[in-house]
All heavy atoms as atom14 arrays in JSON, in Angstrom:
{
  "sequence": "VYFSFITWKDLRADDMVKEWNSSATMKGLRLGSQILYTLSRRKRF",
  "atom14_mask": [
    [1, 1, 1, 1, 1, 1, 1, 0, 0, 0, 0, 0, 0, 0],
    [1, 1, 1, 1, 1, 1, 1, 1, 1, 1, 1, 1, 0, 0],
    [1, 1, 1, 1, 1, 1, 1, 1, 1, 1, 1, 0, 0, 0],
    [1, 1, 1, 1, 1, 1, 0, 0, 0, 0, 0, 0, 0, 0],
    [1, 1, 1, 1, 1, 1, 1, 1, 1, 1, 1, 0, 0, 0],
    [1, 1, 1, 1, 1, 1, 1, 1, 0, 0, 0, 0, 0, 0],
    [1, 1, 1, 1, 1, 1, 1, 0, 0, 0, 0, 0, 0, 0],
    [1, 1, 1, 1, 1, 1, 1, 1, 1, 1, 1, 1, 1, 1],
    [1, 1, 1, 1, 1, 1, 1, 1, 1, 0, 0, 0, 0, 0],
    [1, 1, 1, 1, 1, 1, 1, 1, 0, 0, 0, 0, 0, 0],
    [1, 1, 1, 1, 1, 1, 1, 1, 0, 0, 0, 0, 0, 0],
    [1, 1, 1, 1, 1, 1, 1, 1, 1, 1, 1, 0, 0, 0],
    [1, 1, 1, 1, 1, 0, 0, 0, 0, 0, 0, 0, 0, 0],
    [1, 1, 1, 1, 1, 1, 1, 1, 0, 0, 0, 0, 0, 0],
    [1, 1, 1, 1, 1, 1, 1, 1, 0, 0, 0, 0, 0, 0],
    [1, 1, 1, 1, 1, 1, 1, 1, 0, 0, 0, 0, 0, 0],
    [1, 1, 1, 1, 1, 1, 1, 0, 0, 0, 0, 0, 0, 0],
    [1, 1, 1, 1, 1, 1, 1, 1, 1, 0, 0, 0, 0, 0],
    [1, 1, 1, 1, 1, 1, 1, 1, 1, 0, 0, 0, 0, 0],
    [1, 1, 1, 1, 1, 1, 1, 1, 1, 1, 1, 1, 1, 1],
    [1, 1, 1, 1, 1, 1, 1, 1, 0, 0, 0, 0, 0, 0],
    [1, 1, 1, 1, 1, 1, 0, 0, 0, 0, 0, 0, 0, 0],
    [1, 1, 1, 1, 1, 1, 0, 0, 0, 0, 0, 0, 0, 0],
    [1, 1, 1, 1, 1, 0, 0, 0, 0, 0, 0, 0, 0, 0],
    [1, 1, 1, 1, 1, 1, 1, 0, 0, 0, 0, 0, 0, 0],
    [1, 1, 1, 1, 1, 1, 1, 1, 0, 0, 0, 0, 0, 0],
    [1, 1, 1, 1, 1, 1, 1, 1, 1, 0, 0, 0, 0, 0],
    [1, 1, 1, 1, 0, 0, 0, 0, 0, 0, 0, 0, 0, 0],
    [1, 1, 1, 1, 1, 1, 1, 1, 0, 0, 0, 0, 0, 0],
    [1, 1, 1, 1, 1, 1, 1, 1, 1, 1, 1, 0, 0, 0],
    [1, 1, 1, 1, 1, 1, 1, 1, 0, 0, 0, 0, 0, 0],
    [1, 1, 1, 1, 0, 0, 0, 0, 0, 0, 0, 0, 0, 0],
    [1, 1, 1, 1, 1, 1, 0, 0, 0, 0, 0, 0, 0, 0],
    [1, 1, 1, 1, 1, 1, 1, 1, 1, 0, 0, 0, 0, 0],
    [1, 1, 1, 1, 1, 1, 1, 1, 0, 0, 0, 0, 0, 0],
    [1, 1, 1, 1, 1, 1, 1, 1, 0, 0, 0, 0, 0, 0],
    [1, 1, 1, 1, 1, 1, 1, 1, 1, 1, 1, 1, 0, 0],
    [1, 1, 1, 1, 1, 1, 1, 0, 0, 0, 0, 0, 0, 0],
    [1, 1, 1, 1, 1, 1, 1, 1, 0, 0, 0, 0, 0, 0],
    [1, 1, 1, 1, 1, 1, 0, 0, 0, 0, 0, 0, 0, 0],
    [1, 1, 1, 1, 1, 1, 1, 1, 1, 1, 1, 0, 0, 0],
    [1, 1, 1, 1, 1, 1, 1, 1, 1, 1, 1, 0, 0, 0],
    [1, 1, 1, 1, 1, 1, 1, 1, 1, 0, 0, 0, 0, 0],
    [1, 1, 1, 1, 1, 1, 1, 1, 1, 1, 1, 0, 0, 0],
    [1, 1, 1, 1, 1, 1, 1, 1, 1, 1, 1, 0, 0, 0]
  ],
  "atom14_positions": [
    [[8.16, 26.69, 5.82], [8.56, 25.39, 5.28], [8.57, 24.41, 6.45], [9.44, 24.45, 7.32], [9.94, 25.46, 4.6], [10.34, 24.09, 4.1], [9.92, 26.47, 3.46], [0.0, 0.0, 0.0], [0.0, 0.0, 0.0], [0.0, 0.0, 0.0], [0.0, 0.0, 0.0], [0.0, 0.0, 0.0], [0.0, 0.0, 0.0], [0.0, 0.0, 0.0]],
    [[7.59, 23.51, 6.5], [7.47, 22.57, 7.6], [8.4, 21.37, 7.43], [8.96, 20.86, 8.39], [6.03, 22.07, 7.71], [5.07, 23.1, 8.27], [4.31, 23.9, 7.43], [4.92, 23.25, 9.65], [3.42, 24.83, 7.95], [4.04, 24.17, 10.17], [3.29, 24.97, 9.31], [2.43, 25.88, 9.82], [0.0, 0.0, 0.0], [0.0, 0.0, 0.0]],
    [[8.53, 20.92, 6.19], [9.21, 19.64, 6.0], [9.59, 19.48, 4.54], [8.88, 19.94, 3.65], [8.27, 18.5, 6.39], [8.91, 17.13, 6.35], [9.89, 16.79, 7.26], [8.51, 16.2, 5.41], [10.47, 15.53, 7.23], [9.09, 14.94, 5.37], [10.07, 14.61, 6.3], [0.0, 0.0, 0.0], [0.0, 0.0, 0.0], [0.0, 0.0, 0.0]],
    [[10.73, 18.88, 4.3], [11.15, 18.61, 2.91], [11.43, 17.13, 2.75], [12.04, 16.51, 3.62], [12.4, 19.42, 2.56], [13.44, 19.13, 3.48], [0.0, 0.0, 0.0], [0.0, 0.0, 0.0], [0.0, 0.0, 0.0], [0.0, 0.0, 0.0], [0.0, 0.0, 0.0], [0.0, 0.0, 0.0], [0.0, 0.0, 0.0], [0.0, 0.0, 0.0]],
    [[10.98, 16.57, 1.64], [11.29, 15.17, 1.33], [12.66, 15.13, 0.66], [12.93, 15.91, -0.25], [10.24, 14.6, 0.39], [8.88, 14.44, 1.01], [7.75, 14.47, 0.22], [8.73, 14.27, 2.37], [6.5, 14.33, 0.77], [7.49, 14.12, 2.94], [6.35, 14.16, 2.14], [0.0, 0.0, 0.0], [0.0, 0.0, 0.0], [0.0, 0.0, 0.0]],
    [[13.5, 14.23, 1.08], [14.87, 14.17, 0.56], [14.97, 13.03, -0.44], [15.28, 11.89, -0.08], [15.89, 14.0, 1.7], [15.63, 15.01, 2.81], [17.31, 14.13, 1.15], [15.71, 16.46, 2.39], [0.0, 0.0, 0.0], [0.0, 0.0, 0.0], [0.0, 0.0, 0.0], [0.0, 0.0, 0.0], [0.0, 0.0, 0.0], [0.0, 0.0, 0.0]],
    [[14.68, 13.3, -1.67], [14.78, 12.38, -2.8], [13.93, 11.12, -2.61], [13.38, 10.86, -1.54], [16.22, 11.94, -3.1], [16.63, 10.88, -2.23], [17.18, 13.1, -3.0], [0.0, 0.0, 0.0], [0.0, 0.0, 0.0], [0.0, 0.0, 0.0], [0.0, 0.0, 0.0], [0.0, 0.0, 0.0], [0.0, 0.0, 0.0], [0.0, 0.0, 0.0]],
    [[13.87, 10.33, -3.67], [13.09, 9.09, -3.64], [13.77, 7.98, -2.86], [13.21, 6.91, -2.65], [12.79, 8.62, -5.06], [13.99, 8.51, -5.95], [14.56, 9.49, -6.71], [14.78, 7.34, -6.19], [15.65, 9.01, -7.39], [15.81, 7.7, -7.1], [14.71, 6.03, -5.73], [16.75, 6.79, -7.55], [15.66, 5.12, -6.18], [16.67, 5.51, -7.08]],
    [[14.99, 8.22, -2.35], [15.68, 7.2, -1.55], [15.56, 7.47, -0.05], [16.19, 6.81, 0.76], [17.16, 7.14, -1.95], [17.36, 6.66, -3.4], [18.82, 6.65, -3.78], [19.54, 5.46, -3.21], [19.12, 4.19, -3.8], [0.0, 0.0, 0.0], [0.0, 0.0, 0.0], [0.0, 0.0, 0.0], [0.0, 0.0, 0.0], [0.0, 0.0, 0.0]],
    [[14.72, 8.44, 0.33], [14.48, 8.77, 1.73], [13.84, 7.56, 2.44], [12.82, 7.04, 2.01], [13.54, 9.98, 1.77], [13.22, 10.44, 3.19], [13.75, 9.84, 4.14], [12.46, 11.4, 3.34], [0.0, 0.0, 0.0], [0.0, 0.0, 0.0], [0.0, 0.0, 0.0], [0.0, 0.0, 0.0], [0.0, 0.0, 0.0], [0.0, 0.0, 0.0]],
    [[14.44, 7.13, 3.56], [13.98, 5.92, 4.25], [13.39, 6.21, 5.63], [13.24, 5.3, 6.44], [15.14, 4.93, 4.39], [15.69, 4.34, 3.09], [16.9, 3.45, 3.38], [14.62, 3.54, 2.36], [0.0, 0.0, 0.0], [0.0, 0.0, 0.0], [0.0, 0.0, 0.0], [0.0, 0.0, 0.0], [0.0, 0.0, 0.0], [0.0, 0.0, 0.0]],
    [[13.03, 7.46, 5.9], [12.53, 7.76, 7.24], [11.2, 7.08, 7.54], [10.86, 6.88, 8.7], [12.41, 9.29, 7.4], [13.73, 9.94, 7.79], [13.63, 11.44, 7.78], [13.64, 11.96, 6.42], [13.77, 13.25, 6.12], [13.87, 14.13, 7.1], [13.79, 13.65, 4.88], [0.0, 0.0, 0.0], [0.0, 0.0, 0.0], [0.0, 0.0, 0.0]],
    [[10.46, 6.74, 6.52], [9.16, 6.08, 6.74], [9.26, 4.56, 6.55], [8.24, 3.89, 6.45], [8.11, 6.65, 5.79], [0.0, 0.0, 0.0], [0.0, 0.0, 0.0], [0.0, 0.0, 0.0], [0.0, 0.0, 0.0], [0.0, 0.0, 0.0], [0.0, 0.0, 0.0], [0.0, 0.0, 0.0], [0.0, 0.0, 0.0], [0.0, 0.0, 0.0]],
    [[10.48, 4.02, 6.54], [10.67, 2.61, 6.23], [9.92, 1.69, 7.19], [9.26, 0.74, 6.77], [12.17, 2.27, 6.25], [12.45, 0.84, 5.84], [11.97, 0.45, 4.76], [13.12, 0.11, 6.59], [0.0, 0.0, 0.0], [0.0, 0.0, 0.0], [0.0, 0.0, 0.0], [0.0, 0.0, 0.0], [0.0, 0.0, 0.0], [0.0, 0.0, 0.0]],
    [[9.99, 1.97, 8.5], [9.28, 1.13, 9.47], [7.77, 1.18, 9.23], [7.06, 0.16, 9.35], [9.59, 1.58, 10.9], [11.01, 1.22, 11.32], [11.62, 0.36, 10.66], [11.52, 1.82, 12.29], [0.0, 0.0, 0.0], [0.0, 0.0, 0.0], [0.0, 0.0, 0.0], [0.0, 0.0, 0.0], [0.0, 0.0, 0.0], [0.0, 0.0, 0.0]],
    [[7.28, 2.36, 8.89], [5.86, 2.53, 8.63], [5.44, 1.74, 7.39], [4.37, 1.12, 7.35], [5.56, 4.01, 8.44], [4.09, 4.37, 8.39], [3.86, 6.16, 8.29], [4.22, 6.63, 9.99], [0.0, 0.0, 0.0], [0.0, 0.0, 0.0], [0.0, 0.0, 0.0], [0.0, 0.0, 0.0], [0.0, 0.0, 0.0], [0.0, 0.0, 0.0]],
    [[6.3, 1.75, 6.36], [6.02, 0.99, 5.13], [5.88, -0.5, 5.46], [4.94, -1.17, 5.01], [7.14, 1.21, 4.09], [7.01, 0.23, 2.93], [7.1, 2.64, 3.56], [0.0, 0.0, 0.0], [0.0, 0.0, 0.0], [0.0, 0.0, 0.0], [0.0, 0.0, 0.0], [0.0, 0.0, 0.0], [0.0, 0.0, 0.0], [0.0, 0.0, 0.0]],
    [[6.8, -1.02, 6.25], [6.77, -2.44, 6.61], [5.52, -2.77, 7.42], [4.87, -3.8, 7.2], [8.03, -2.8, 7.38], [9.31, -2.71, 6.56], [10.54, -2.92, 7.43], [11.82, -2.78, 6.61], [13.03, -2.88, 7.46], [0.0, 0.0, 0.0], [0.0, 0.0, 0.0], [0.0, 0.0, 0.0], [0.0, 0.0, 0.0], [0.0, 0.0, 0.0]],
    [[5.2, -1.9, 8.37], [4.03, -2.15, 9.23], [2.73, -2.14, 8.42], [1.87, -3.02, 8.6], [3.97, -1.08, 10.33], [5.06, -1.24, 11.38], [5.09, -0.07, 12.35], [4.17, 0.79, 12.27], [6.04, 0.01, 13.15], [0.0, 0.0, 0.0], [0.0, 0.0, 0.0], [0.0, 0.0, 0.0], [0.0, 0.0, 0.0], [0.0, 0.0, 0.0]],
    [[2.58, -1.17, 7.55], [1.37, -1.09, 6.75], [1.25, -2.28, 5.8], [0.17, -2.87, 5.66], [1.33, 0.22, 5.97], [0.67, 1.33, 6.72], [1.26, 2.29, 7.49], [-0.74, 1.59, 6.81], [0.32, 3.12, 8.03], [-0.92, 2.72, 7.63], [-1.86, 0.97, 6.26], [-2.19, 3.25, 7.91], [-3.12, 1.5, 6.54], [-3.27, 2.62, 7.36]],
    [[2.33, -2.64, 5.13], [2.26, -3.72, 4.14], [1.93, -5.07, 4.78], [1.35, -5.95, 4.12], [3.58, -3.82, 3.36], [3.72, -2.71, 2.34], [2.73, -2.11, 1.9], [4.95, -2.42, 1.94], [0.0, 0.0, 0.0], [0.0, 0.0, 0.0], [0.0, 0.0, 0.0], [0.0, 0.0, 0.0], [0.0, 0.0, 0.0], [0.0, 0.0, 0.0]],
    [[2.29, -5.25, 6.04], [2.0, -6.52, 6.72], [0.74, -6.45, 7.58], [0.41, -7.42, 8.26], [3.19, -6.92, 7.6], [3.44, -5.95, 8.59], [0.0, 0.0, 0.0], [0.0, 0.0, 0.0], [0.0, 0.0, 0.0], [0.0, 0.0, 0.0], [0.0, 0.0, 0.0], [0.0, 0.0, 0.0], [0.0, 0.0, 0.0], [0.0, 0.0, 0.0]],
    [[0.04, -5.32, 7.55], [-1.12, -5.13, 8.41], [-2.33, -5.91, 7.9], [-2.44, -6.24, 6.72], [-1.47, -3.64, 8.49], [-1.95, -3.17, 7.23], [0.0, 0.0, 0.0], [0.0, 0.0, 0.0], [0.0, 0.0, 0.0], [0.0, 0.0, 0.0], [0.0, 0.0, 0.0], [0.0, 0.0, 0.0], [0.0, 0.0, 0.0], [0.0, 0.0, 0.0]],
    [[-3.25, -6.17, 8.83], [-4.5, -6.85, 8.46], [-5.32, -6.0, 7.5], [-6.01, -6.54, 6.63], [-5.3, -7.14, 9.73], [0.0, 0.0, 0.0], [0.0, 0.0, 0.0], [0.0, 0.0, 0.0], [0.0, 0.0, 0.0], [0.0, 0.0, 0.0], [0.0, 0.0, 0.0], [0.0, 0.0, 0.0], [0.0, 0.0, 0.0], [0.0, 0.0, 0.0]],
    [[-5.23, -4.69, 7.65], [-5.96, -3.8, 6.75], [-5.53, -3.99, 5.31], [-6.37, -4.11, 4.4], [-5.74, -2.33, 7.16], [-6.22, -2.13, 8.49], [-6.47, -1.38, 6.22], [0.0, 0.0, 0.0], [0.0, 0.0, 0.0], [0.0, 0.0, 0.0], [0.0, 0.0, 0.0], [0.0, 0.0, 0.0], [0.0, 0.0, 0.0], [0.0, 0.0, 0.0]],
    [[-4.21, -4.01, 5.07], [-3.71, -4.16, 3.71], [-3.98, -5.56, 3.17], [-4.28, -5.73, 1.98], [-2.22, -3.85, 3.67], [-1.89, -2.38, 3.91], [-2.68, -1.29, 2.71], [-1.86, -1.83, 1.2], [0.0, 0.0, 0.0], [0.0, 0.0, 0.0], [0.0, 0.0, 0.0], [0.0, 0.0, 0.0], [0.0, 0.0, 0.0], [0.0, 0.0, 0.0]],
    [[-3.87, -6.55, 4.02], [-4.18, -7.92, 3.59], [-5.64, -8.03, 3.17], [-5.98, -8.67, 2.18], [-3.85, -8.91, 4.7], [-2.36, -9.06, 4.97], [-2.09, -10.0, 6.12], [-0.59, -10.11, 6.39], [-0.29, -10.96, 7.58], [0.0, 0.0, 0.0], [0.0, 0.0, 0.0], [0.0, 0.0, 0.0], [0.0, 0.0, 0.0], [0.0, 0.0, 0.0]],
    [[-6.51, -7.37, 3.94], [-7.93, -7.36, 3.59], [-8.2, -6.62, 2.3], [-9.03, -7.06, 1.48], [0.0, 0.0, 0.0], [0.0, 0.0, 0.0], [0.0, 0.0, 0.0], [0.0, 0.0, 0.0], [0.0, 0.0, 0.0], [0.0, 0.0, 0.0], [0.0, 0.0, 0.0], [0.0, 0.0, 0.0], [0.0, 0.0, 0.0], [0.0, 0.0, 0.0]],
    [[-7.5, -5.51, 2.11], [-7.65, -4.73, 0.88], [-7.23, -5.55, -0.34], [-7.92, -5.57, -1.36], [-6.82, -3.45, 0.95], [-6.78, -2.58, -0.29], [-8.16, -2.0, -0.59], [-5.76, -1.44, -0.13], [0.0, 0.0, 0.0], [0.0, 0.0, 0.0], [0.0, 0.0, 0.0], [0.0, 0.0, 0.0], [0.0, 0.0, 0.0], [0.0, 0.0, 0.0]],
    [[-6.11, -6.27, -0.21], [-5.63, -7.07, -1.33], [-6.56, -8.24, -1.62], [-6.85, -8.56, -2.78], [-4.21, -7.56, -1.05], [-3.15, -6.44, -1.1], [-1.74, -6.99, -1.09], [-1.33, -7.42, 0.24], [-0.66, -6.66, 1.1], [-0.35, -5.42, 0.79], [-0.3, -7.14, 2.28], [0.0, 0.0, 0.0], [0.0, 0.0, 0.0], [0.0, 0.0, 0.0]],
    [[-7.06, -8.88, -0.56], [-7.97, -10.0, -0.75], [-9.29, -9.53, -1.38], [-9.8, -10.17, -2.33], [-8.26, -10.68, 0.59], [-9.28, -11.84, 0.56], [-8.8, -12.95, -0.37], [-9.52, -12.38, 1.97], [0.0, 0.0, 0.0], [0.0, 0.0, 0.0], [0.0, 0.0, 0.0], [0.0, 0.0, 0.0], [0.0, 0.0, 0.0], [0.0, 0.0, 0.0]],
    [[-9.82, -8.44, -0.89], [-11.06, -7.91, -1.45], [-10.9, -7.52, -2.9], [-11.78, -7.77, -3.73], [0.0, 0.0, 0.0], [0.0, 0.0, 0.0], [0.0, 0.0, 0.0], [0.0, 0.0, 0.0], [0.0, 0.0, 0.0], [0.0, 0.0, 0.0], [0.0, 0.0, 0.0], [0.0, 0.0, 0.0], [0.0, 0.0, 0.0], [0.0, 0.0, 0.0]],
    [[-9.75, -6.94, -3.23], [-9.48, -6.55, -4.62], [-9.36, -7.77, -5.52], [-9.8, -7.74, -6.68], [-8.2, -5.71, -4.68], [-8.33, -4.52, -3.94], [0.0, 0.0, 0.0], [0.0, 0.0, 0.0], [0.0, 0.0, 0.0], [0.0, 0.0, 0.0], [0.0, 0.0, 0.0], [0.0, 0.0, 0.0], [0.0, 0.0, 0.0], [0.0, 0.0, 0.0]],
    [[-8.76, -8.85, -4.99], [-8.64, -10.08, -5.77], [-10.01, -10.65, -6.09], [-10.28, -11.1, -7.22], [-7.82, -11.11, -5.0], [-7.64, -12.44, -5.72], [-6.9, -12.29, -7.05], [-5.79, -11.78, -7.08], [-7.51, -12.71, -8.14], [0.0, 0.0, 0.0], [0.0, 0.0, 0.0], [0.0, 0.0, 0.0], [0.0, 0.0, 0.0], [0.0, 0.0, 0.0]],
    [[-10.91, -10.6, -5.13], [-12.28, -11.09, -5.35], [-12.99, -10.22, -6.39], [-13.65, -10.74, -7.31], [-13.07, -11.1, -4.03], [-12.46, -12.14, -3.07], [-14.55, -11.4, -4.27], [-13.02, -12.07, -1.66], [0.0, 0.0, 0.0], [0.0, 0.0, 0.0], [0.0, 0.0, 0.0], [0.0, 0.0, 0.0], [0.0, 0.0, 0.0], [0.0, 0.0, 0.0]],
    [[-12.83, -8.9, -6.26], [-13.47, -7.99, -7.21], [-12.91, -8.18, -8.62], [-13.64, -8.09, -9.61], [-13.28, -6.54, -6.76], [-14.09, -6.12, -5.53], [-13.67, -4.74, -5.06], [-15.58, -6.14, -5.85], [0.0, 0.0, 0.0], [0.0, 0.0, 0.0], [0.0, 0.0, 0.0], [0.0, 0.0, 0.0], [0.0, 0.0, 0.0], [0.0, 0.0, 0.0]],
    [[-11.59, -8.45, -8.7], [-11.0, -8.68, -10.03], [-11.55, -9.97, -10.64], [-11.84, -10.03, -11.84], [-9.49, -8.74, -9.94], [-8.85, -9.12, -11.26], [-8.87, -8.24, -12.34], [-8.26, -10.37, -11.44], [-8.32, -8.59, -13.56], [-7.7, -10.72, -12.65], [-7.74, -9.83, -13.71], [-7.19, -10.19, -14.92], [0.0, 0.0, 0.0], [0.0, 0.0, 0.0]],
    [[-11.68, -11.01, -9.83], [-12.22, -12.28, -10.31], [-13.63, -12.1, -10.87], [-13.98, -12.7, -11.89], [-12.24, -13.31, -9.17], [-10.91, -13.49, -8.67], [-12.77, -14.65, -9.67], [0.0, 0.0, 0.0], [0.0, 0.0, 0.0], [0.0, 0.0, 0.0], [0.0, 0.0, 0.0], [0.0, 0.0, 0.0], [0.0, 0.0, 0.0], [0.0, 0.0, 0.0]],
    [[-14.41, -11.25, -10.23], [-15.79, -11.03, -10.67], [-15.9, -10.07, -11.85], [-16.74, -10.25, -12.73], [-16.62, -10.49, -9.5], [-16.79, -11.42, -8.29], [-17.48, -10.69, -7.15], [-17.57, -12.67, -8.69], [0.0, 0.0, 0.0], [0.0, 0.0, 0.0], [0.0, 0.0, 0.0], [0.0, 0.0, 0.0], [0.0, 0.0, 0.0], [0.0, 0.0, 0.0]],
    [[-15.04, -9.05, -11.87], [-15.21, -7.98, -12.87], [-14.16, -7.99, -13.98], [-14.39, -7.43, -15.05], [-15.17, -6.62, -12.18], [-13.86, -6.34, -11.69], [0.0, 0.0, 0.0], [0.0, 0.0, 0.0], [0.0, 0.0, 0.0], [0.0, 0.0, 0.0], [0.0, 0.0, 0.0], [0.0, 0.0, 0.0], [0.0, 0.0, 0.0], [0.0, 0.0, 0.0]],
    [[-12.98, -8.58, -13.7], [-11.82, -8.59, -14.62], [-11.32, -7.18, -14.91], [-10.66, -6.93, -15.93], [-12.15, -9.3, -15.94], [-12.81, -10.64, -15.8], [-12.09, -11.56, -14.82], [-10.79, -12.0, -15.32], [-9.97, -12.79, -14.64], [-10.3, -13.2, -13.43], [-8.81, -13.15, -15.16], [0.0, 0.0, 0.0], [0.0, 0.0, 0.0], [0.0, 0.0, 0.0]],
    [[-11.59, -6.23, -14.03], [-11.1, -4.87, -14.21], [-9.66, -4.76, -13.73], [-9.31, -5.21, -12.62], [-11.99, -3.87, -13.46], [-13.38, -3.74, -14.05], [-14.24, -2.79, -13.22], [-13.66, -1.44, -13.17], [-14.18, -0.46, -12.43], [-15.25, -0.68, -11.69], [-13.61, 0.73, -12.45], [0.0, 0.0, 0.0], [0.0, 0.0, 0.0], [0.0, 0.0, 0.0]],
    [[-8.8, -4.16, -14.55], [-7.37, -4.09, -14.24], [-7.09, -3.3, -12.97], [-6.09, -3.55, -12.28], [-6.61, -3.49, -15.42], [-6.53, -4.41, -16.62], [-5.66, -3.81, -17.71], [-5.51, -4.77, -18.89], [-4.64, -4.2, -19.94], [0.0, 0.0, 0.0], [0.0, 0.0, 0.0], [0.0, 0.0, 0.0], [0.0, 0.0, 0.0], [0.0, 0.0, 0.0]],
    [[-7.94, -2.35, -12.67], [-7.74, -1.57, -11.46], [-7.72, -2.47, -10.23], [-6.91, -2.29, -9.32], [-8.85, -0.53, -11.33], [-8.71, 0.4, -10.13], [-9.91, 1.3, -10.0], [-9.77, 2.19, -8.87], [-10.78, 2.61, -8.12], [-12.01, 2.21, -8.4], [-10.58, 3.43, -7.12], [0.0, 0.0, 0.0], [0.0, 0.0, 0.0], [0.0, 0.0, 0.0]],
    [[-8.59, -3.46, -10.19], [-8.65, -4.37, -9.04], [-7.48, -5.35, -9.06], [-7.01, -5.78, -8.0], [-9.98, -5.11, -9.02], [-11.17, -4.2, -8.81], [-12.25, -4.23, -9.69], [-11.19, -3.31, -7.76], [-13.33, -3.39, -9.49], [-12.28, -2.46, -7.56], [-13.35, -2.5, -8.43], [0.0, 0.0, 0.0], [0.0, 0.0, 0.0], [0.0, 0.0, 0.0]]
  ]
}
């Protein structure tokens, strides 16, 4: 047993969550998805 997740309120990855959500990668992903949604109207985008 390498590791156990402690319920859905586990905050050990909190800093990582904040970093990823504000990253250029995620901003680019969201912008690209917005463009694809505008063109295709697919709910996934």
